[in-house]
């Protein structure tokens, strides 16, 4: 009958003449969800501001002044930067770490890739144990590693020096001016190969097994699979590690400073840019000049980092 209300069934939703509005939920506004992210990021941003941005700003400010024995500091503009840029010690250190990087970075990455391919191939029994074993040097602090290698290579007493005497090569001094840089290269390769291997091994595990299985069925050798299939597929990781290792080479400090205690005449005042900054600011008390050198070194590292980022973006790794 028209106009007669139909009773609703038990448990059925009540009829409505229009669209039913859902109840508002707390935190469902347009800006909801931003606050939890900000809370999690805040501690990192605080540490970044306190221990990186603030010291950087202070270093730039300090570098614009010059200390006087009488009268305190006075504003000198870019005079400290001009002094550093004319310093043969500073640029000698830059050239030394570049030569260091030219040898250390390719050798480290080549060894890391070789180990990663071996472990990924499944041909090595106990691969998990050996991966952990090769990664352990990275867990050793740089100071401890440098001290350990110092005693191993100590002329006349170290086991490697005795080994050289045993095979007829006498009088080898690994801390001499001609061998100190190769010695540092050896120590750093030992420290960082395991880390690079772990990164490359992780990249190799992301390659589908069907790819290598198809190559094996086509008769491809182990060497051809490693160089023609796996190497191109992890090239983005290799490029990233190249720039990370290059930036680390520019900051080389721990190993030469420890080895200098065993052979001071082999490690000069400006052996590396970081040592130049340290000795200028702390050893000589020229804090303003040391700050200028630190800023110039930071700019060089920044340019290398930006170059690496631009190269990776050009290769289409990210947008």
C-alpha atoms as a PDB file:
ATOM      1  CA  UNK A   1       0.000   0.000   0.000  1.00  0.00           C
ATOM      2  CA  UNK A   2       1.313   3.387  -0.901  1.00  0.00           C
ATOM      3  CA  UNK A   3       2.509   5.494   1.982  1.00  0.00           C
ATOM      4  CA  UNK A   4       2.793   2.507   4.313  1.00  0.00           C
ATOM      5  CA  UNK A   5       6.131   2.166   6.075  1.00  0.00           C
ATOM      6  CA  UNK A   6       7.797  -1.185   5.632  1.00  0.00           C
ATOM      7  CA  UNK A   7       9.283  -2.467   8.895  1.00  0.00           C
ATOM      8  CA  UNK A   8      13.009  -3.087   8.762  1.00  0.00           C
ATOM      9  CA  UNK A   9      14.303  -6.586   9.275  1.00  0.00           C
ATOM     10  CA  UNK A  10      16.255  -7.263  12.458  1.00  0.00           C
ATOM     11  CA  UNK A  11      19.931  -6.469  11.916  1.00  0.00           C
ATOM     12  CA  UNK A  12      19.358  -4.684   8.590  1.00  0.00           C
ATOM     13  CA  UNK A  13      20.862  -1.187   8.114  1.00  0.00           C
ATOM     14  CA  UNK A  14      18.478   1.671   8.596  1.00  0.00           C
ATOM     15  CA  UNK A  15      17.203   3.181   5.315  1.00  0.00           C
ATOM     16  CA  UNK A  16      18.565   6.567   4.372  1.00  0.00           C
ATOM     17  CA  UNK A  17      17.365   9.077   1.889  1.00  0.00           C
ATOM     18  CA  UNK A  18      20.898  10.238   0.956  1.00  0.00           C
ATOM     19  CA  UNK A  19      24.538   9.286   1.109  1.00  0.00           C
ATOM     20  CA  UNK A  20      25.599   8.359   4.562  1.00  0.00           C
ATOM     21  CA  UNK A  21      28.618  10.273   5.891  1.00  0.00           C
ATOM     22  CA  UNK A  22      31.328   8.167   7.500  1.00  0.00           C
ATOM     23  CA  UNK A  23      32.358   9.316  10.952  1.00  0.00           C
ATOM     24  CA  UNK A  24      35.421  11.490  11.033  1.00  0.00           C
ATOM     25  CA  UNK A  25      38.514   9.762  12.268  1.00  0.00           C
ATOM     26  CA  UNK A  26      41.132  11.527  14.312  1.00  0.00           C
ATOM     27  CA  UNK A  27      44.215  12.477  12.319  1.00  0.00           C
ATOM     28  CA  UNK A  28      42.527  12.027   8.944  1.00  0.00           C
ATOM     29  CA  UNK A  29      43.144  15.592   7.774  1.00  0.00           C
ATOM     30  CA  UNK A  30      45.239  16.647   4.816  1.00  0.00           C
ATOM     31  CA  UNK A  31      48.370  17.032   6.952  1.00  0.00           C
ATOM     32  CA  UNK A  32      47.849  13.776   8.865  1.00  0.00           C
ATOM     33  CA  UNK A  33      50.762  11.383   8.588  1.00  0.00           C
ATOM     34  CA  UNK A  34      53.386  14.104   8.355  1.00  0.00           C
ATOM     35  CA  UNK A  35      53.957  14.411  12.068  1.00  0.00           C
ATOM     36  CA  UNK A  36      55.014  10.779  12.707  1.00  0.00           C
ATOM     37  CA  UNK A  37      57.557  11.054   9.886  1.00  0.00           C
ATOM     38  CA  UNK A  38      58.852  14.338  11.235  1.00  0.00           C
ATOM     39  CA  UNK A  39      59.211  12.834  14.705  1.00  0.00           C
ATOM     40  CA  UNK A  40      61.299   9.943  13.380  1.00  0.00           C
ATOM     41  CA  UNK A  41      63.489  12.214  11.241  1.00  0.00           C
ATOM     42  CA  UNK A  42      63.970  14.882  13.921  1.00  0.00           C
ATOM     43  CA  UNK A  43      66.783  13.103  15.899  1.00  0.00           C
ATOM     44  CA  UNK A  44      68.819  12.573  12.735  1.00  0.00           C
ATOM     45  CA  UNK A  45      68.309  16.159  11.607  1.00  0.00           C
ATOM     46  CA  UNK A  46      69.284  17.380  15.072  1.00  0.00           C
ATOM     47  CA  UNK A  47      72.530  15.391  15.009  1.00  0.00           C
ATOM     48  CA  UNK A  48      73.190  16.546  11.439  1.00  0.00           C
ATOM     49  CA  UNK A  49      72.745  20.160  12.476  1.00  0.00           C
ATOM     50  CA  UNK A  50      74.844  19.902  15.644  1.00  0.00           C
ATOM     51  CA  UNK A  51      77.750  17.833  14.350  1.00  0.00           C
ATOM     52  CA  UNK A  52      77.915  18.707  10.650  1.00  0.00           C
ATOM     53  CA  UNK A  53      76.153  21.905   9.662  1.00  0.00           C
ATOM     54  CA  UNK A  54      77.114  23.949  12.721  1.00  0.00           C
ATOM     55  CA  UNK A  55      80.843  22.973  12.582  1.00  0.00           C
ATOM     56  CA  UNK A  56      80.876  23.658   8.842  1.00  0.00           C
ATOM     57  CA  UNK A  57      79.423  27.131   9.291  1.00  0.00           C
ATOM     58  CA  UNK A  58      81.849  27.803  12.143  1.00  0.00           C
ATOM     59  CA  UNK A  59      84.800  26.595  10.055  1.00  0.00           C
ATOM     60  CA  UNK A  60      83.848  28.913   7.198  1.00  0.00           C
ATOM     61  CA  UNK A  61      83.489  31.809   9.659  1.00  0.00           C
ATOM     62  CA  UNK A  62      86.831  31.051  11.356  1.00  0.00           C
ATOM     63  CA  UNK A  63      88.636  30.767   8.032  1.00  0.00           C
ATOM     64  CA  UNK A  64      87.874  34.420   7.282  1.00  0.00           C
ATOM     65  CA  UNK A  65      89.978  35.648  10.215  1.00  0.00           C
ATOM     66  CA  UNK A  66      93.669  35.611  11.048  1.00  0.00           C
ATOM     67  CA  UNK A  67      95.099  35.348  14.542  1.00  0.00           C
ATOM     68  CA  UNK A  68      97.679  37.820  15.806  1.00  0.00           C
ATOM     69  CA  UNK A  69      99.991  37.486  18.761  1.00  0.00           C
ATOM     70  CA  UNK A  70      98.860  40.919  19.892  1.00  0.00           C
ATOM     71  CA  UNK A  71      95.364  42.155  19.276  1.00  0.00           C
ATOM     72  CA  UNK A  72      93.553  38.836  18.843  1.00  0.00           C
ATOM     73  CA  UNK A  73      91.922  38.044  15.511  1.00  0.00           C
ATOM     74  CA  UNK A  74      91.221  40.365  12.642  1.00  0.00           C
ATOM     75  CA  UNK A  75      89.145  39.894   9.524  1.00  0.00           C
ATOM     76  CA  UNK A  76      91.330  38.885   6.578  1.00  0.00           C
ATOM     77  CA  UNK A  77      88.767  37.732   4.021  1.00  0.00           C
ATOM     78  CA  UNK A  78      90.059  35.047   1.689  1.00  0.00           C
ATOM     79  CA  UNK A  79      93.722  35.458   2.623  1.00  0.00           C
ATOM     80  CA  UNK A  80      93.826  32.051   4.329  1.00  0.00           C
ATOM     81  CA  UNK A  81      92.323  30.400   1.259  1.00  0.00           C
ATOM     82  CA  UNK A  82      94.945  32.031  -0.940  1.00  0.00           C
ATOM     83  CA  UNK A  83      97.679  30.721   1.381  1.00  0.00           C
ATOM     84  CA  UNK A  84      96.336  27.170   1.199  1.00  0.00           C
ATOM     85  CA  UNK A  85      95.871  27.293  -2.565  1.00  0.00           C
ATOM     86  CA  UNK A  86      99.518  28.369  -2.936  1.00  0.00           C
ATOM     87  CA  UNK A  87     100.750  25.654  -0.555  1.00  0.00           C
ATOM     88  CA  UNK A  88     102.836  22.978  -2.205  1.00  0.00           C
ATOM     89  CA  UNK A  89     102.366  20.720   0.831  1.00  0.00           C
ATOM     90  CA  UNK A  90      98.580  20.765   0.470  1.00  0.00           C
ATOM     91  CA  UNK A  91      98.523  20.081  -3.254  1.00  0.00           C
ATOM     92  CA  UNK A  92     101.258  17.484  -2.832  1.00  0.00           C
ATOM     93  CA  UNK A  93      98.945  15.680  -0.417  1.00  0.00           C
ATOM     94  CA  UNK A  94      96.049  15.946  -2.874  1.00  0.00           C
ATOM     95  CA  UNK A  95      98.193  14.464  -5.616  1.00  0.00           C
ATOM     96  CA  UNK A  96      99.361  11.714  -3.276  1.00  0.00           C
ATOM     97  CA  UNK A  97      95.833  10.618  -2.348  1.00  0.00           C
ATOM     98  CA  UNK A  98      94.817  10.719  -6.017  1.00  0.00           C
ATOM     99  CA  UNK A  99      97.712   8.383  -6.834  1.00  0.00           C
ATOM    100  CA  UNK A 100      96.637   6.272  -3.863  1.00  0.00           C
ATOM    101  CA  UNK A 101      93.049   6.118  -5.170  1.00  0.00           C
ATOM    102  CA  UNK A 102      94.150   5.216  -8.715  1.00  0.00           C
ATOM    103  CA  UNK A 103      95.718   2.016  -7.329  1.00  0.00           C
ATOM    104  CA  UNK A 104      93.579   1.236  -4.286  1.00  0.00           C
ATOM    105  CA  UNK A 105      90.085   1.674  -5.744  1.00  0.00           C
ATOM    106  CA  UNK A 106      90.430  -0.563  -8.849  1.00  0.00           C
ATOM    107  CA  UNK A 107      92.324  -3.296  -6.981  1.00  0.00           C
ATOM    108  CA  UNK A 108      89.805  -3.297  -4.123  1.00  0.00           C
ATOM    109  CA  UNK A 109      86.819  -3.464  -6.467  1.00  0.00           C
ATOM    110  CA  UNK A 110      88.420  -6.144  -8.651  1.00  0.00           C
ATOM    111  CA  UNK A 111      89.105  -8.366  -5.640  1.00  0.00           C
ATOM    112  CA  UNK A 112      85.656  -7.665  -4.203  1.00  0.00           C
ATOM    113  CA  UNK A 113      83.938  -8.562  -7.480  1.00  0.00           C
ATOM    114  CA  UNK A 114      86.009 -11.744  -7.869  1.00  0.00           C
ATOM    115  CA  UNK A 115      85.125 -12.938  -4.362  1.00  0.00           C
ATOM    116  CA  UNK A 116      81.466 -11.962  -4.807  1.00  0.00           C
ATOM    117  CA  UNK A 117      81.208 -13.921  -8.075  1.00  0.00           C
ATOM    118  CA  UNK A 118      82.826 -16.983  -6.500  1.00  0.00           C
ATOM    119  CA  UNK A 119      80.458 -16.948  -3.549  1.00  0.00           C
ATOM    120  CA  UNK A 120      77.440 -16.318  -5.784  1.00  0.00           C
ATOM    121  CA  UNK A 121      78.338 -19.204  -8.101  1.00  0.00           C
ATOM    122  CA  UNK A 122      77.801 -21.811  -5.391  1.00  0.00           C
ATOM    123  CA  UNK A 123      81.104 -23.495  -6.214  1.00  0.00           C
ATOM    124  CA  UNK A 124      82.709 -22.655  -2.864  1.00  0.00           C
ATOM    125  CA  UNK A 125      81.805 -24.992   0.028  1.00  0.00           C
ATOM    126  CA  UNK A 126      81.109 -23.113   3.234  1.00  0.00           C
ATOM    127  CA  UNK A 127      80.554 -19.866   1.339  1.00  0.00           C
ATOM    128  CA  UNK A 128      78.647 -18.280   4.224  1.00  0.00           C
ATOM    129  CA  UNK A 129      81.550 -18.849   6.606  1.00  0.00           C
ATOM    130  CA  UNK A 130      84.093 -17.386   4.172  1.00  0.00           C
ATOM    131  CA  UNK A 131      81.880 -14.382   3.424  1.00  0.00           C
ATOM    132  CA  UNK A 132      81.788 -13.622   7.135  1.00  0.00           C
ATOM    133  CA  UNK A 133      85.530 -14.204   7.418  1.00  0.00           C
ATOM    134  CA  UNK A 134      86.332 -11.799   4.567  1.00  0.00           C
ATOM    135  CA  UNK A 135      83.975  -9.172   5.999  1.00  0.00           C
ATOM    136  CA  UNK A 136      85.640  -9.213   9.439  1.00  0.00           C
ATOM    137  CA  UNK A 137      88.510  -6.808   8.516  1.00  0.00           C
ATOM    138  CA  UNK A 138      85.909  -4.101   7.909  1.00  0.00           C
ATOM    139  CA  UNK A 139      84.708  -4.549  11.497  1.00  0.00           C
ATOM    140  CA  UNK A 140      88.236  -3.916  12.802  1.00  0.00           C
ATOM    141  CA  UNK A 141      88.744  -0.213  13.681  1.00  0.00           C
ATOM    142  CA  UNK A 142      91.164   1.572  11.397  1.00  0.00           C
ATOM    143  CA  UNK A 143      93.531   2.408  14.266  1.00  0.00           C
ATOM    144  CA  UNK A 144      93.730  -1.240  15.327  1.00  0.00           C
ATOM    145  CA  UNK A 145      94.253  -2.393  11.740  1.00  0.00           C
ATOM    146  CA  UNK A 146      97.045   0.145  11.172  1.00  0.00           C
ATOM    147  CA  UNK A 147      98.775  -0.856  14.421  1.00  0.00           C
ATOM    148  CA  UNK A 148      98.472  -4.555  13.582  1.00  0.00           C
ATOM    149  CA  UNK A 149      99.964  -4.091  10.121  1.00  0.00           C
ATOM    150  CA  UNK A 150     102.670  -1.843  11.556  1.00  0.00           C
ATOM    151  CA  UNK A 151     103.953  -4.680  13.732  1.00  0.00           C
ATOM    152  CA  UNK A 152     103.574  -7.201  10.895  1.00  0.00           C
ATOM    153  CA  UNK A 153     105.675  -5.036   8.539  1.00  0.00           C
ATOM    154  CA  UNK A 154     108.111  -3.673  11.108  1.00  0.00           C
ATOM    155  CA  UNK A 155     111.624  -3.693   9.574  1.00  0.00           C
ATOM    156  CA  UNK A 156     113.925  -6.293  11.107  1.00  0.00           C
ATOM    157  CA  UNK A 157     111.308  -7.699  13.511  1.00  0.00           C
ATOM    158  CA  UNK A 158     108.041  -8.144  11.620  1.00  0.00           C
ATOM    159  CA  UNK A 159     107.234 -11.565  10.128  1.00  0.00           C
ATOM    160  CA  UNK A 160     106.981 -10.141   6.603  1.00  0.00           C
ATOM    161  CA  UNK A 161     110.406  -8.512   6.894  1.00  0.00           C
ATOM    162  CA  UNK A 162     111.830 -11.839   8.089  1.00  0.00           C
ATOM    163  CA  UNK A 163     110.096 -13.596   5.205  1.00  0.00           C
ATOM    164  CA  UNK A 164     111.760 -11.236   2.738  1.00  0.00           C
ATOM    165  CA  UNK A 165     115.136 -11.974   4.359  1.00  0.00           C
ATOM    166  CA  UNK A 166     114.441 -15.706   4.124  1.00  0.00           C
ATOM    167  CA  UNK A 167     113.855 -15.560   0.379  1.00  0.00           C
ATOM    168  CA  UNK A 168     116.998 -13.526  -0.161  1.00  0.00           C
ATOM    169  CA  UNK A 169     115.572  -9.987  -0.309  1.00  0.00           C
ATOM    170  CA  UNK A 170     117.414  -8.140   2.448  1.00  0.00           C
ATOM    171  CA  UNK A 171     116.973  -4.711   3.906  1.00  0.00           C
ATOM    172  CA  UNK A 172     113.360  -4.175   2.841  1.00  0.00           C
ATOM    173  CA  UNK A 173     111.798  -1.298   4.766  1.00  0.00           C
ATOM    174  CA  UNK A 174     108.055  -1.139   4.184  1.00  0.00           C
ATOM    175  CA  UNK A 175     107.957   2.257   5.945  1.00  0.00           C
ATOM    176  CA  UNK A 176     110.516   3.985   3.729  1.00  0.00           C
ATOM    177  CA  UNK A 177     109.570   7.005   1.648  1.00  0.00           C
ATOM    178  CA  UNK A 178     109.373   4.877  -1.497  1.00  0.00           C
ATOM    179  CA  UNK A 179     107.272   2.074   0.021  1.00  0.00           C
ATOM    180  CA  UNK A 180     105.100   3.890   2.581  1.00  0.00           C
ATOM    181  CA  UNK A 181     102.335   4.649   0.060  1.00  0.00           C
ATOM    182  CA  UNK A 182     102.135   1.041  -1.258  1.00  0.00           C
ATOM    183  CA  UNK A 183     102.083  -0.096   2.374  1.00  0.00           C
ATOM    184  CA  UNK A 184      99.092   2.141   3.099  1.00  0.00           C
ATOM    185  CA  UNK A 185      97.419   0.844  -0.070  1.00  0.00           C
ATOM    186  CA  UNK A 186      97.896  -2.720   1.210  1.00  0.00           C
ATOM    187  CA  UNK A 187      96.372  -1.907   4.600  1.00  0.00           C
ATOM    188  CA  UNK A 188      93.340  -0.119   3.129  1.00  0.00           C
ATOM    189  CA  UNK A 189      92.700  -2.896   0.598  1.00  0.00           C
ATOM    190  CA  UNK A 190      92.710  -5.393   3.457  1.00  0.00           C
ATOM    191  CA  UNK A 191      90.260  -3.239   5.400  1.00  0.00           C
ATOM    192  CA  UNK A 192      87.731  -2.450   2.659  1.00  0.00           C
ATOM    193  CA  UNK A 193      87.630  -5.430   0.298  1.00  0.00           C
ATOM    194  CA  UNK A 194      85.169  -7.301   2.503  1.00  0.00           C
ATOM    195  CA  UNK A 195      82.743  -4.393   2.645  1.00  0.00           C
ATOM    196  CA  UNK A 196      82.784  -3.913  -1.128  1.00  0.00           C
ATOM    197  CA  UNK A 197      82.433  -7.652  -1.634  1.00  0.00           C
ATOM    198  CA  UNK A 198      79.300  -7.712   0.548  1.00  0.00           C
ATOM    199  CA  UNK A 199      77.678  -4.919  -1.467  1.00  0.00           C
ATOM    200  CA  UNK A 200      78.482  -6.585  -4.787  1.00  0.00           C
ATOM    201  CA  UNK A 201      77.392 -10.002  -3.547  1.00  0.00           C
ATOM    202  CA  UNK A 202      74.030  -8.530  -2.534  1.00  0.00           C
ATOM    203  CA  UNK A 203      73.677  -7.059  -6.028  1.00  0.00           C
ATOM    204  CA  UNK A 204      74.564 -10.396  -7.630  1.00  0.00           C
ATOM    205  CA  UNK A 205      71.921 -12.240  -5.646  1.00  0.00           C
ATOM    206  CA  UNK A 206      69.265 -10.015  -7.241  1.00  0.00           C
ATOM    207  CA  UNK A 207      70.119 -11.369 -10.726  1.00  0.00           C
ATOM    208  CA  UNK A 208      67.520 -13.985 -11.752  1.00  0.00           C
ATOM    209  CA  UNK A 209      68.929 -17.505 -11.754  1.00  0.00           C
ATOM    210  CA  UNK A 210      67.260 -18.154 -15.095  1.00  0.00           C
ATOM    211  CA  UNK A 211      69.730 -15.784 -16.752  1.00  0.00           C
ATOM    212  CA  UNK A 212      72.835 -17.686 -15.664  1.00  0.00           C
ATOM    213  CA  UNK A 213      71.162 -21.058 -16.189  1.00  0.00           C
ATOM    214  CA  UNK A 214      70.319 -20.119 -19.775  1.00  0.00           C
ATOM    215  CA  UNK A 215      73.932 -19.057 -20.338  1.00  0.00           C
ATOM    216  CA  UNK A 216      75.189 -22.367 -18.944  1.00  0.00           C
ATOM    217  CA  UNK A 217      72.851 -24.288 -21.234  1.00  0.00           C
ATOM    218  CA  UNK A 218      74.265 -22.321 -24.172  1.00  0.00           C
ATOM    219  CA  UNK A 219      77.759 -23.461 -23.194  1.00  0.00           C
ATOM    220  CA  UNK A 220      79.053 -20.208 -21.700  1.00  0.00           C
ATOM    221  CA  UNK A 221      82.085 -20.594 -19.449  1.00  0.00           C
ATOM    222  CA  UNK A 222      82.299 -19.351 -15.872  1.00  0.00           C
ATOM    223  CA  UNK A 223      84.572 -16.480 -16.928  1.00  0.00           C
ATOM    224  CA  UNK A 224      82.246 -15.394 -19.735  1.00  0.00           C
ATOM    225  CA  UNK A 225      79.214 -15.459 -17.436  1.00  0.00           C
ATOM    226  CA  UNK A 226      81.071 -13.363 -14.861  1.00  0.00           C
ATOM    227  CA  UNK A 227      82.344 -10.741 -17.318  1.00  0.00           C
ATOM    228  CA  UNK A 228      79.592 -10.630 -19.955  1.00  0.00           C
ATOM    229  CA  UNK A 229      76.473 -11.169 -17.828  1.00  0.00           C
ATOM    230  CA  UNK A 230      77.073 -10.487 -14.138  1.00  0.00           C
ATOM    231  CA  UNK A 231      79.500  -7.582 -14.440  1.00  0.00           C
ATOM    232  CA  UNK A 232      77.211  -5.383 -16.603  1.00  0.00           C
ATOM    233  CA  UNK A 233      74.240  -6.133 -14.338  1.00  0.00           C
ATOM    234  CA  UNK A 234      76.037  -4.867 -11.211  1.00  0.00           C
ATOM    235  CA  UNK A 235      77.792  -1.961 -12.906  1.00  0.00           C
ATOM    236  CA  UNK A 236      75.591   0.571 -11.094  1.00  0.00           C
ATOM    237  CA  UNK A 237      76.814  -0.778  -7.747  1.00  0.00           C
ATOM    238  CA  UNK A 238      80.411  -0.670  -8.955  1.00  0.00           C
ATOM    239  CA  UNK A 239      80.031   2.977 -10.000  1.00  0.00           C
ATOM    240  CA  UNK A 240      78.571   3.821  -6.597  1.00  0.00           C
ATOM    241  CA  UNK A 241      81.402   2.021  -4.787  1.00  0.00           C
ATOM    242  CA  UNK A 242      83.983   3.714  -7.002  1.00  0.00           C
ATOM    243  CA  UNK A 243      82.903   7.149  -5.843  1.00  0.00           C
ATOM    244  CA  UNK A 244      82.502   6.050  -2.215  1.00  0.00           C
ATOM    245  CA  UNK A 245      86.036   4.649  -2.207  1.00  0.00           C
ATOM    246  CA  UNK A 246      87.317   7.747  -3.996  1.00  0.00           C
ATOM    247  CA  UNK A 247      85.804  10.041  -1.375  1.00  0.00           C
ATOM    248  CA  UNK A 248      87.293   7.831   1.328  1.00  0.00           C
ATOM    249  CA  UNK A 249      90.725   8.137  -0.306  1.00  0.00           C
ATOM    250  CA  UNK A 250      90.513  11.936  -0.177  1.00  0.00           C
ATOM    251  CA  UNK A 251      89.865  11.676   3.576  1.00  0.00           C
ATOM    252  CA  UNK A 252      92.797   9.315   4.215  1.00  0.00           C
ATOM    253  CA  UNK A 253      94.088  10.045   7.720  1.00  0.00           C
ATOM    254  CA  UNK A 254      94.174   7.143  10.175  1.00  0.00           C
ATOM    255  CA  UNK A 255      96.622   4.814   8.430  1.00  0.00           C
ATOM    256  CA  UNK A 256      99.364   7.363   7.601  1.00  0.00           C
ATOM    257  CA  UNK A 257      99.095   9.016  11.013  1.00  0.00           C
ATOM    258  CA  UNK A 258      99.595   5.654  12.777  1.00  0.00           C
ATOM    259  CA  UNK A 259     102.420   4.552  10.488  1.00  0.00           C
ATOM    260  CA  UNK A 260     104.121   7.902  11.035  1.00  0.00           C
ATOM    261  CA  UNK A 261     104.852   6.886  14.635  1.00  0.00           C
ATOM    262  CA  UNK A 262     107.042   4.048  13.323  1.00  0.00           C
ATOM    263  CA  UNK A 263     108.792   6.031  10.588  1.00  0.00           C
ATOM    264  CA  UNK A 264     108.226   9.787  11.044  1.00  0.00           C
ATOM    265  CA  UNK A 265     110.506  10.813   8.192  1.00  0.00           C
ATOM    266  CA  UNK A 266     108.385   8.833   5.692  1.00  0.00           C
ATOM    267  CA  UNK A 267     105.155  10.732   6.433  1.00  0.00           C
ATOM    268  CA  UNK A 268     105.513  14.451   5.842  1.00  0.00           C
ATOM    269  CA  UNK A 269     103.554  17.377   7.210  1.00  0.00           C
ATOM    270  CA  UNK A 270     101.239  17.343   4.191  1.00  0.00           C
ATOM    271  CA  UNK A 271     101.289  13.647   3.321  1.00  0.00           C
ATOM    272  CA  UNK A 272      97.516  13.797   2.839  1.00  0.00           C
ATOM    273  CA  UNK A 273      95.124  16.777   2.857  1.00  0.00           C
ATOM    274  CA  UNK A 274      93.583  15.574   6.119  1.00  0.00           C
ATOM    275  CA  UNK A 275      97.000  15.402   7.771  1.00  0.00           C
ATOM    276  CA  UNK A 276      97.746  18.896   6.469  1.00  0.00           C
ATOM    277  CA  UNK A 277      94.540  20.181   8.101  1.00  0.00           C
ATOM    278  CA  UNK A 278      95.304  18.395  11.369  1.00  0.00           C
ATOM    279  CA  UNK A 279      98.915  19.512  11.669  1.00  0.00           C
ATOM    280  CA  UNK A 280      98.106  23.070  10.633  1.00  0.00           C
ATOM    281  CA  UNK A 281      95.238  23.505  13.084  1.00  0.00           C
ATOM    282  CA  UNK A 282      96.393  21.356  16.011  1.00  0.00           C
ATOM    283  CA  UNK A 283     100.135  20.909  15.595  1.00  0.00           C
ATOM    284  CA  UNK A 284     100.955  24.480  14.567  1.00  0.00           C
ATOM    285  CA  UNK A 285      98.048  26.204  16.279  1.00  0.00           C
ATOM    286  CA  UNK A 286      96.983  27.991  13.077  1.00  0.00           C
ATOM    287  CA  UNK A 287      93.299  27.267  13.479  1.00  0.00           C
ATOM    288  CA  UNK A 288      92.144  29.801  10.902  1.00  0.00           C
ATOM    289  CA  UNK A 289      94.470  28.456   8.234  1.00  0.00           C
ATOM    290  CA  UNK A 290      93.494  24.892   9.100  1.00  0.00           C
ATOM    291  CA  UNK A 291      89.816  25.816   8.810  1.00  0.00           C
ATOM    292  CA  UNK A 292      90.424  27.239   5.334  1.00  0.00           C
ATOM    293  CA  UNK A 293      92.215  24.047   4.288  1.00  0.00           C
ATOM    294  CA  UNK A 294      89.339  21.968   5.680  1.00  0.00           C
ATOM    295  CA  UNK A 295      86.803  24.005   3.703  1.00  0.00           C
ATOM    296  CA  UNK A 296      88.804  23.612   0.490  1.00  0.00           C
ATOM    297  CA  UNK A 297      89.060  19.853   1.078  1.00  0.00           C
ATOM    298  CA  UNK A 298      85.302  19.690   1.736  1.00  0.00           C
ATOM    299  CA  UNK A 299      84.661  21.521  -1.546  1.00  0.00           C
ATOM    300  CA  UNK A 300      86.863  19.036  -3.433  1.00  0.00           C
ATOM    301  CA  UNK A 301      85.020  16.099  -1.847  1.00  0.00           C
ATOM    302  CA  UNK A 302      81.698  17.759  -2.602  1.00  0.00           C
ATOM    303  CA  UNK A 303      82.620  18.179  -6.259  1.00  0.00           C
ATOM    304  CA  UNK A 304      83.598  14.504  -6.495  1.00  0.00           C
ATOM    305  CA  UNK A 305      80.305  13.498  -4.846  1.00  0.00           C
ATOM    306  CA  UNK A 306      78.244  15.724  -7.141  1.00  0.00           C
ATOM    307  CA  UNK A 307      80.104  14.316 -10.137  1.00  0.00           C
ATOM    308  CA  UNK A 308      79.291  10.786  -9.033  1.00  0.00           C
ATOM    309  CA  UNK A 309      75.642  11.695  -8.493  1.00  0.00           C
ATOM    310  CA  UNK A 310      75.419  13.310 -11.928  1.00  0.00           C
ATOM    311  CA  UNK A 311      77.010  10.276 -13.577  1.00  0.00           C
ATOM    312  CA  UNK A 312      74.604   7.896 -11.893  1.00  0.00           C
ATOM    313  CA  UNK A 313      71.657  10.079 -12.858  1.00  0.00           C
ATOM    314  CA  UNK A 314      72.909  10.179 -16.426  1.00  0.00           C
ATOM    315  CA  UNK A 315      73.010   6.390 -16.457  1.00  0.00           C
ATOM    316  CA  UNK A 316      69.346   6.408 -15.437  1.00  0.00           C
ATOM    317  CA  UNK A 317      69.773   4.860 -11.998  1.00  0.00           C
ATOM    318  CA  UNK A 318      67.331   7.338 -10.461  1.00  0.00           C
ATOM    319  CA  UNK A 319      65.484  10.509 -11.344  1.00  0.00           C
END
